[in-house]
Amino acid sequence: MKIKAIVHDAEEGGFWAEVPAIPGCATQGETMEELLVNLREAIQGCLAVEVVPPQTTKTQRVLEIAV
């Protein structure tokens, strides 16, 4: 899976990045290498959040799709 991130220069030095496809997923790093490590961890953490199962009725179905 490939996910795009937007990298910004931080005002205090270093970098920060956000992942538009995952609202609230952002991180920072003093160097680009540190930012990449932190970005991978942030994305994994955001995707690992457990979602409450949806409530359904007799005529509805829940599909689980792997991407």
N, C-alpha and C. Protein backbone atom coordinates (compact mmCIF):
# COMPACT_ATOMS: atom_id res chain seq x y z
N MET A 1 0.85 -1.16 0.00
CA MET A 1 0.00 0.00 0.00
C MET A 1 0.90 1.23 0.00
N LYS A 2 0.54 2.21 -0.80
CA LYS A 2 1.27 3.47 -0.83
C LYS A 2 0.33 4.57 -0.36
N ILE A 3 0.84 5.42 0.51
CA ILE A 3 0.06 6.53 1.05
C ILE A 3 0.88 7.80 0.87
N LYS A 4 0.25 8.84 0.39
CA LYS A 4 0.96 10.11 0.17
C LYS A 4 0.94 10.95 1.44
N ALA A 5 2.06 11.61 1.70
CA ALA A 5 2.18 12.53 2.83
C ALA A 5 2.69 13.86 2.31
N ILE A 6 2.27 14.92 2.94
CA ILE A 6 2.75 16.26 2.60
C ILE A 6 3.77 16.66 3.66
N VAL A 7 4.98 17.00 3.23
CA VAL A 7 6.06 17.38 4.14
C VAL A 7 6.20 18.90 4.14
N HIS A 8 6.29 19.46 5.34
CA HIS A 8 6.43 20.90 5.53
C HIS A 8 7.72 21.18 6.29
N ASP A 9 8.33 22.34 6.03
CA ASP A 9 9.42 22.81 6.87
C ASP A 9 8.80 23.34 8.16
N ALA A 10 9.34 22.93 9.30
CA ALA A 10 8.84 23.41 10.58
C ALA A 10 9.47 24.76 10.89
N GLU A 11 8.71 25.67 11.46
CA GLU A 11 9.21 27.01 11.77
C GLU A 11 10.41 26.97 12.71
N GLU A 12 10.40 26.04 13.65
CA GLU A 12 11.48 25.94 14.64
C GLU A 12 12.64 25.08 14.15
N GLY A 13 12.59 24.63 12.92
CA GLY A 13 13.61 23.75 12.35
C GLY A 13 13.06 22.35 12.21
N GLY A 14 13.67 21.59 11.35
CA GLY A 14 13.19 20.23 11.11
C GLY A 14 12.01 20.23 10.15
N PHE A 15 11.22 19.18 10.24
CA PHE A 15 10.11 18.98 9.32
C PHE A 15 8.90 18.45 10.06
N TRP A 16 7.74 18.63 9.46
CA TRP A 16 6.54 17.95 9.93
C TRP A 16 5.78 17.49 8.71
N ALA A 17 4.97 16.44 8.88
CA ALA A 17 4.25 15.86 7.74
C ALA A 17 2.83 15.50 8.17
N GLU A 18 1.94 15.56 7.18
CA GLU A 18 0.55 15.17 7.39
C GLU A 18 0.14 14.20 6.29
N VAL A 19 -0.82 13.35 6.60
CA VAL A 19 -1.32 12.35 5.65
C VAL A 19 -2.78 12.71 5.35
N PRO A 20 -3.04 13.36 4.21
CA PRO A 20 -4.40 13.80 3.90
C PRO A 20 -5.44 12.68 3.88
N ALA A 21 -5.04 11.47 3.50
CA ALA A 21 -5.99 10.36 3.41
C ALA A 21 -6.40 9.83 4.78
N ILE A 22 -5.66 10.22 5.84
CA ILE A 22 -5.97 9.76 7.20
C ILE A 22 -6.09 11.00 8.08
N PRO A 23 -7.28 11.54 8.24
CA PRO A 23 -7.45 12.75 9.04
C PRO A 23 -6.84 12.63 10.43
N GLY A 24 -6.07 13.65 10.82
CA GLY A 24 -5.44 13.66 12.14
C GLY A 24 -4.11 12.97 12.19
N CYS A 25 -3.67 12.35 11.10
CA CYS A 25 -2.39 11.63 11.09
C CYS A 25 -1.29 12.60 10.69
N ALA A 26 -0.43 12.96 11.66
CA ALA A 26 0.66 13.89 11.41
C ALA A 26 1.79 13.57 12.38
N THR A 27 3.00 13.99 12.03
CA THR A 27 4.16 13.77 12.89
C THR A 27 5.24 14.77 12.52
N GLN A 28 6.37 14.71 13.23
CA GLN A 28 7.46 15.63 12.97
C GLN A 28 8.80 14.92 13.16
N GLY A 29 9.87 15.56 12.70
CA GLY A 29 11.21 15.03 12.88
C GLY A 29 12.24 16.12 12.66
N GLU A 30 13.36 16.00 13.35
CA GLU A 30 14.44 16.99 13.21
C GLU A 30 15.14 16.86 11.86
N THR A 31 15.22 15.63 11.34
CA THR A 31 15.84 15.38 10.04
C THR A 31 14.83 14.65 9.16
N MET A 32 15.10 14.59 7.87
CA MET A 32 14.20 13.88 6.97
C MET A 32 14.18 12.39 7.31
N GLU A 33 15.32 11.84 7.71
CA GLU A 33 15.38 10.42 8.09
C GLU A 33 14.50 10.15 9.31
N GLU A 34 14.59 11.03 10.33
CA GLU A 34 13.77 10.87 11.53
C GLU A 34 12.29 11.04 11.18
N LEU A 35 11.99 11.99 10.31
CA LEU A 35 10.61 12.21 9.89
C LEU A 35 10.04 10.96 9.23
N LEU A 36 10.81 10.32 8.36
CA LEU A 36 10.33 9.11 7.68
C LEU A 36 10.04 7.99 8.65
N VAL A 37 10.91 7.81 9.65
CA VAL A 37 10.68 6.77 10.67
C VAL A 37 9.40 7.09 11.44
N ASN A 38 9.29 8.35 11.88
CA ASN A 38 8.11 8.76 12.65
C ASN A 38 6.83 8.69 11.81
N LEU A 39 6.95 9.00 10.52
CA LEU A 39 5.78 8.96 9.64
C LEU A 39 5.27 7.54 9.47
N ARG A 40 6.16 6.59 9.30
CA ARG A 40 5.73 5.19 9.20
C ARG A 40 5.02 4.75 10.48
N GLU A 41 5.59 5.11 11.63
CA GLU A 41 4.98 4.75 12.91
C GLU A 41 3.61 5.41 13.07
N ALA A 42 3.50 6.69 12.67
CA ALA A 42 2.23 7.40 12.79
C ALA A 42 1.17 6.77 11.91
N ILE A 43 1.52 6.43 10.69
CA ILE A 43 0.56 5.81 9.77
C ILE A 43 0.11 4.46 10.31
N GLN A 44 1.06 3.65 10.77
CA GLN A 44 0.70 2.34 11.33
C GLN A 44 -0.21 2.50 12.54
N GLY A 45 0.09 3.47 13.39
CA GLY A 45 -0.74 3.71 14.57
C GLY A 45 -2.13 4.17 14.21
N CYS A 46 -2.23 5.07 13.24
CA CYS A 46 -3.54 5.57 12.82
C CYS A 46 -4.37 4.46 12.19
N LEU A 47 -3.74 3.59 11.41
CA LEU A 47 -4.47 2.51 10.76
C LEU A 47 -4.82 1.38 11.73
N ALA A 48 -4.14 1.32 12.87
CA ALA A 48 -4.37 0.25 13.83
C ALA A 48 -5.51 0.56 14.80
N VAL A 49 -6.06 1.76 14.73
CA VAL A 49 -7.13 2.15 15.64
C VAL A 49 -8.32 1.24 15.43
N GLU A 50 -8.82 0.69 16.52
CA GLU A 50 -9.97 -0.21 16.43
C GLU A 50 -11.24 0.61 16.24
N VAL A 51 -12.02 0.22 15.28
CA VAL A 51 -13.26 0.91 14.96
C VAL A 51 -14.42 0.12 15.57
N VAL A 52 -15.36 0.83 16.17
CA VAL A 52 -16.53 0.19 16.76
C VAL A 52 -17.36 -0.43 15.64
N PRO A 53 -17.76 -1.70 15.77
CA PRO A 53 -18.56 -2.34 14.73
C PRO A 53 -19.85 -1.57 14.47
N PRO A 54 -20.25 -1.45 13.22
CA PRO A 54 -21.49 -0.73 12.90
C PRO A 54 -22.72 -1.51 13.34
N GLN A 55 -23.76 -0.77 13.68
CA GLN A 55 -25.05 -1.38 14.02
C GLN A 55 -25.79 -1.68 12.71
N THR A 56 -26.32 -2.87 12.60
CA THR A 56 -27.03 -3.25 11.38
C THR A 56 -28.43 -3.76 11.71
N THR A 57 -29.24 -3.83 10.66
CA THR A 57 -30.58 -4.42 10.79
C THR A 57 -30.58 -5.74 10.03
N LYS A 58 -31.71 -6.41 9.99
CA LYS A 58 -31.82 -7.70 9.31
C LYS A 58 -31.55 -7.60 7.82
N THR A 59 -31.80 -6.44 7.22
CA THR A 59 -31.64 -6.29 5.77
C THR A 59 -30.29 -5.70 5.37
N GLN A 60 -29.43 -5.44 6.32
CA GLN A 60 -28.12 -4.86 6.03
C GLN A 60 -27.02 -5.88 6.24
N ARG A 61 -25.89 -5.68 5.57
CA ARG A 61 -24.73 -6.56 5.71
C ARG A 61 -23.48 -5.71 5.93
N VAL A 62 -22.54 -6.25 6.63
CA VAL A 62 -21.24 -5.60 6.81
C VAL A 62 -20.23 -6.38 6.00
N LEU A 63 -19.50 -5.69 5.13
CA LEU A 63 -18.43 -6.31 4.34
C LEU A 63 -17.09 -5.85 4.87
N GLU A 64 -16.17 -6.76 5.01
CA GLU A 64 -14.80 -6.42 5.41
C GLU A 64 -13.92 -6.59 4.19
N ILE A 65 -13.22 -5.53 3.80
CA ILE A 65 -12.43 -5.55 2.57
C ILE A 65 -10.97 -5.31 2.90
N ALA A 66 -10.09 -6.18 2.47
CA ALA A 66 -8.65 -6.00 2.67
C ALA A 66 -8.09 -5.13 1.55
N VAL A 67 -7.26 -4.17 1.91
CA VAL A 67 -6.63 -3.32 0.90
C VAL A 67 -5.13 -3.36 1.03
